[in-house]
């Protein structure tokens, strides 16, 4: 059931069903392995979960701003996200 919503997005790019199928399989496998890494990291890095919550809040605000015509550059978004995650990891390591 996961990645069903991404199938129309892939069909917007290509009509080749092999590319649609393989790209969705790769997305599922990639997210599954990323979840395993994050589940272990959250146990060791106590502030990582809070940092991820702040990142999700930032992304929501960024999407809301785009509705009103304010564009946040990709470079700025990447810097903010990496900075938030870096602070979360750094504070977690400092707390240990």
N, C-alpha and C. Protein backbone atom coordinates (compact mmCIF):
# COMPACT_ATOMS: atom_id res chain seq x y z
N UNK A 1 0.81 -1.19 0.00
CA UNK A 1 0.00 0.00 0.00
C UNK A 1 0.86 1.25 0.00
N UNK A 2 2.09 1.12 0.55
CA UNK A 2 3.01 2.26 0.56
C UNK A 2 3.41 2.60 -0.87
N UNK A 3 3.63 3.81 -1.15
CA UNK A 3 4.12 4.34 -2.42
C UNK A 3 3.08 4.27 -3.53
N UNK A 4 1.82 4.02 -3.18
CA UNK A 4 0.77 4.03 -4.20
C UNK A 4 0.58 5.44 -4.73
N UNK A 5 0.74 6.43 -3.87
CA UNK A 5 0.56 7.81 -4.30
C UNK A 5 1.68 8.30 -5.20
N UNK A 6 2.82 7.62 -5.19
CA UNK A 6 3.92 8.06 -6.04
C UNK A 6 3.83 7.50 -7.45
N UNK A 7 2.97 6.52 -7.67
CA UNK A 7 2.85 5.94 -9.01
C UNK A 7 2.35 6.97 -10.02
N UNK A 8 1.30 7.76 -9.73
CA UNK A 8 0.91 8.79 -10.69
C UNK A 8 2.03 9.81 -10.96
N UNK A 9 2.82 10.11 -9.93
CA UNK A 9 3.92 11.06 -10.13
C UNK A 9 4.95 10.48 -11.08
N UNK A 10 5.23 9.20 -10.98
CA UNK A 10 6.19 8.58 -11.88
C UNK A 10 5.61 8.50 -13.29
N UNK A 11 4.32 8.20 -13.40
CA UNK A 11 3.69 8.16 -14.72
C UNK A 11 3.68 9.54 -15.38
N UNK A 12 3.75 10.60 -14.59
CA UNK A 12 3.83 11.94 -15.16
C UNK A 12 5.18 12.16 -15.84
N UNK A 13 6.20 11.39 -15.41
CA UNK A 13 7.53 11.53 -15.98
C UNK A 13 7.76 10.56 -17.12
N UNK A 14 7.23 9.33 -16.98
CA UNK A 14 7.47 8.30 -17.98
C UNK A 14 6.25 7.40 -18.13
N UNK A 15 6.12 6.77 -19.29
CA UNK A 15 5.06 5.79 -19.52
C UNK A 15 5.58 4.36 -19.46
N UNK A 16 6.85 4.20 -19.23
CA UNK A 16 7.46 2.86 -19.19
C UNK A 16 7.11 2.18 -17.87
N UNK A 17 6.32 1.09 -17.89
CA UNK A 17 5.91 0.46 -16.64
C UNK A 17 7.08 -0.16 -15.86
N UNK A 18 8.15 -0.54 -16.54
CA UNK A 18 9.30 -1.11 -15.85
C UNK A 18 9.96 -0.04 -14.97
N UNK A 19 10.08 1.17 -15.48
CA UNK A 19 10.67 2.25 -14.69
C UNK A 19 9.77 2.59 -13.51
N UNK A 20 8.45 2.60 -13.72
CA UNK A 20 7.52 2.87 -12.63
C UNK A 20 7.66 1.82 -11.54
N UNK A 21 7.67 0.55 -11.92
CA UNK A 21 7.76 -0.54 -10.95
C UNK A 21 9.09 -0.51 -10.20
N UNK A 22 10.20 -0.40 -10.93
CA UNK A 22 11.51 -0.45 -10.28
C UNK A 22 11.76 0.78 -9.41
N UNK A 23 11.27 1.94 -9.82
CA UNK A 23 11.48 3.13 -8.99
C UNK A 23 10.70 3.03 -7.68
N UNK A 24 9.51 2.47 -7.72
CA UNK A 24 8.74 2.31 -6.48
C UNK A 24 9.35 1.24 -5.58
N UNK A 25 9.86 0.18 -6.14
CA UNK A 25 10.53 -0.84 -5.34
C UNK A 25 11.78 -0.24 -4.68
N UNK A 26 12.55 0.53 -5.43
CA UNK A 26 13.74 1.17 -4.87
C UNK A 26 13.36 2.13 -3.75
N UNK A 27 12.28 2.86 -3.91
CA UNK A 27 11.83 3.79 -2.86
C UNK A 27 11.44 3.03 -1.60
N UNK A 28 10.73 1.94 -1.76
CA UNK A 28 10.30 1.16 -0.60
C UNK A 28 11.51 0.57 0.12
N UNK A 29 12.43 0.00 -0.62
CA UNK A 29 13.61 -0.60 -0.01
C UNK A 29 14.50 0.45 0.66
N UNK A 30 14.64 1.59 0.02
CA UNK A 30 15.45 2.66 0.60
C UNK A 30 14.86 3.20 1.88
N UNK A 31 13.56 3.41 1.91
CA UNK A 31 12.92 3.93 3.11
C UNK A 31 12.92 2.90 4.24
N UNK A 32 12.81 1.63 3.87
CA UNK A 32 12.83 0.59 4.89
C UNK A 32 14.19 0.53 5.58
N UNK A 33 15.25 0.59 4.81
CA UNK A 33 16.58 0.56 5.41
C UNK A 33 16.87 1.84 6.19
N UNK A 34 16.37 2.97 5.70
CA UNK A 34 16.54 4.23 6.43
C UNK A 34 15.81 4.18 7.76
N UNK A 35 14.64 3.56 7.79
CA UNK A 35 13.90 3.42 9.05
C UNK A 35 14.70 2.60 10.05
N UNK A 36 15.34 1.53 9.59
CA UNK A 36 16.15 0.70 10.49
C UNK A 36 17.29 1.51 11.09
N UNK A 37 17.95 2.30 10.27
CA UNK A 37 19.06 3.13 10.77
C UNK A 37 18.55 4.15 11.78
N UNK A 38 17.44 4.81 11.46
CA UNK A 38 16.91 5.83 12.37
C UNK A 38 16.40 5.24 13.68
N UNK A 39 15.83 4.03 13.63
CA UNK A 39 15.33 3.44 14.87
C UNK A 39 16.47 3.12 15.84
N UNK A 40 17.63 2.74 15.31
CA UNK A 40 18.80 2.50 16.16
C UNK A 40 19.40 3.83 16.61
N UNK A 41 19.45 4.81 15.71
CA UNK A 41 20.05 6.10 16.04
C UNK A 41 19.25 6.84 17.10
N UNK A 42 17.93 6.72 17.08
CA UNK A 42 17.09 7.42 18.05
C UNK A 42 17.37 6.90 19.46
N UNK A 43 17.70 5.63 19.59
CA UNK A 43 18.01 5.08 20.91
C UNK A 43 19.31 5.67 21.46
N UNK A 44 20.28 5.88 20.61
CA UNK A 44 21.58 6.39 21.04
C UNK A 44 21.63 7.91 21.10
N UNK A 45 20.93 8.58 20.21
CA UNK A 45 20.96 10.04 20.12
C UNK A 45 19.63 10.59 20.62
N UNK A 46 19.59 11.02 21.86
CA UNK A 46 18.33 11.36 22.52
C UNK A 46 17.63 12.57 21.92
N UNK A 47 18.37 13.49 21.33
CA UNK A 47 17.75 14.70 20.76
C UNK A 47 17.45 14.57 19.26
N UNK A 48 17.75 13.43 18.67
CA UNK A 48 17.52 13.26 17.23
C UNK A 48 16.03 13.28 16.90
N UNK A 49 15.22 12.65 17.73
CA UNK A 49 13.78 12.62 17.47
C UNK A 49 13.20 14.03 17.50
N UNK A 50 13.64 14.84 18.44
CA UNK A 50 13.17 16.23 18.52
C UNK A 50 13.65 17.04 17.32
N UNK A 51 14.88 16.76 16.87
CA UNK A 51 15.41 17.46 15.69
C UNK A 51 14.61 17.10 14.44
N UNK A 52 14.25 15.84 14.31
CA UNK A 52 13.45 15.42 13.15
C UNK A 52 12.07 16.08 13.20
N UNK A 53 11.50 16.22 14.40
CA UNK A 53 10.21 16.91 14.53
C UNK A 53 10.33 18.36 14.10
N UNK A 54 11.43 19.02 14.46
CA UNK A 54 11.64 20.41 14.04
C UNK A 54 11.81 20.49 12.52
N UNK A 55 12.50 19.53 11.94
CA UNK A 55 12.66 19.49 10.48
C UNK A 55 11.30 19.35 9.81
N UNK A 56 10.46 18.47 10.33
CA UNK A 56 9.12 18.31 9.74
C UNK A 56 8.31 19.59 9.87
N UNK A 57 8.46 20.29 11.00
CA UNK A 57 7.80 21.58 11.15
C UNK A 57 8.30 22.60 10.15
N UNK A 58 9.61 22.62 9.93
CA UNK A 58 10.19 23.54 8.95
C UNK A 58 9.66 23.26 7.55
N UNK A 59 9.59 21.98 7.20
CA UNK A 59 9.10 21.61 5.86
C UNK A 59 7.63 22.02 5.72
N UNK A 60 6.84 21.84 6.78
CA UNK A 60 5.44 22.27 6.73
C UNK A 60 5.30 23.76 6.56
N UNK A 61 6.11 24.52 7.28
CA UNK A 61 6.09 25.98 7.14
C UNK A 61 6.53 26.39 5.74
N UNK A 62 7.56 25.72 5.24
CA UNK A 62 8.05 26.03 3.89
C UNK A 62 6.96 25.78 2.85
N UNK A 63 6.24 24.67 2.98
CA UNK A 63 5.15 24.38 2.04
C UNK A 63 4.03 25.41 2.18
N UNK A 64 3.74 25.81 3.41
CA UNK A 64 2.72 26.84 3.61
C UNK A 64 3.11 28.17 3.01
N UNK A 65 4.37 28.53 3.11
CA UNK A 65 4.84 29.78 2.51
C UNK A 65 4.74 29.75 0.99
N UNK A 66 4.98 28.58 0.40
CA UNK A 66 4.89 28.47 -1.05
C UNK A 66 3.46 28.69 -1.54
N UNK A 67 2.47 28.33 -0.73
CA UNK A 67 1.08 28.57 -1.10
C UNK A 67 0.81 30.07 -1.23
N UNK A 68 1.47 30.85 -0.37
CA UNK A 68 1.27 32.30 -0.38
C UNK A 68 2.26 33.03 -1.28
N UNK A 69 3.04 32.28 -2.06
CA UNK A 69 3.91 32.89 -3.05
C UNK A 69 5.33 33.16 -2.59
N UNK A 70 5.69 32.77 -1.38
CA UNK A 70 7.06 32.94 -0.91
C UNK A 70 7.87 31.71 -1.25
N UNK A 71 8.95 31.90 -1.96
CA UNK A 71 9.79 30.78 -2.38
C UNK A 71 11.03 30.71 -1.49
N UNK A 72 11.25 29.54 -0.90
CA UNK A 72 12.45 29.29 -0.10
C UNK A 72 13.37 28.44 -0.97
N UNK A 73 14.59 28.89 -1.17
CA UNK A 73 15.49 28.18 -2.09
C UNK A 73 15.86 26.80 -1.55
N UNK A 74 16.19 25.92 -2.45
CA UNK A 74 16.59 24.57 -2.08
C UNK A 74 17.87 24.56 -1.27
N UNK A 75 18.79 25.43 -1.61
CA UNK A 75 20.05 25.51 -0.87
C UNK A 75 19.82 25.96 0.57
N UNK A 76 18.96 26.94 0.76
CA UNK A 76 18.63 27.38 2.12
C UNK A 76 17.93 26.27 2.89
N UNK A 77 17.00 25.59 2.25
CA UNK A 77 16.29 24.48 2.90
C UNK A 77 17.26 23.39 3.32
N UNK A 78 18.17 23.04 2.43
CA UNK A 78 19.15 22.00 2.75
C UNK A 78 20.02 22.42 3.92
N UNK A 79 20.44 23.68 3.92
CA UNK A 79 21.28 24.18 5.01
C UNK A 79 20.54 24.15 6.34
N UNK A 80 19.28 24.56 6.34
CA UNK A 80 18.49 24.55 7.57
C UNK A 80 18.29 23.13 8.07
N UNK A 81 17.94 22.22 7.18
CA UNK A 81 17.69 20.83 7.58
C UNK A 81 18.96 20.18 8.11
N UNK A 82 20.06 20.35 7.39
CA UNK A 82 21.33 19.77 7.87
C UNK A 82 21.77 20.42 9.19
N UNK A 83 21.54 21.72 9.33
CA UNK A 83 21.88 22.40 10.58
C UNK A 83 21.07 21.89 11.75
N UNK A 84 19.78 21.72 11.56
CA UNK A 84 18.92 21.21 12.63
C UNK A 84 19.33 19.80 13.03
N UNK A 85 19.53 18.94 12.03
CA UNK A 85 19.94 17.56 12.34
C UNK A 85 21.33 17.53 12.97
N UNK A 86 22.22 18.40 12.51
CA UNK A 86 23.56 18.47 13.09
C UNK A 86 23.52 18.89 14.55
N UNK A 87 22.68 19.90 14.86
CA UNK A 87 22.54 20.33 16.26
C UNK A 87 21.95 19.21 17.11
N UNK A 88 20.98 18.48 16.56
CA UNK A 88 20.38 17.38 17.30
C UNK A 88 21.38 16.29 17.63
N UNK A 89 22.20 15.94 16.65
CA UNK A 89 23.25 14.93 16.87
C UNK A 89 24.30 15.48 17.82
N UNK A 90 24.71 16.71 17.60
CA UNK A 90 25.74 17.32 18.45
C UNK A 90 25.31 17.42 19.91
N UNK A 91 24.08 17.88 20.16
CA UNK A 91 23.61 17.97 21.53
C UNK A 91 23.47 16.58 22.16
N UNK A 92 23.08 15.60 21.35
CA UNK A 92 22.97 14.23 21.89
C UNK A 92 24.33 13.69 22.29
N UNK A 93 25.33 13.93 21.46
CA UNK A 93 26.67 13.45 21.79
C UNK A 93 27.23 14.22 22.98
N UNK A 94 26.92 15.50 23.07
CA UNK A 94 27.39 16.30 24.21
C UNK A 94 26.74 15.83 25.51
N UNK A 95 25.46 15.41 25.42
CA UNK A 95 24.74 14.96 26.62
C UNK A 95 25.28 13.64 27.15
N UNK A 96 25.88 12.85 26.28
CA UNK A 96 26.44 11.57 26.71
C UNK A 96 27.73 11.83 27.40
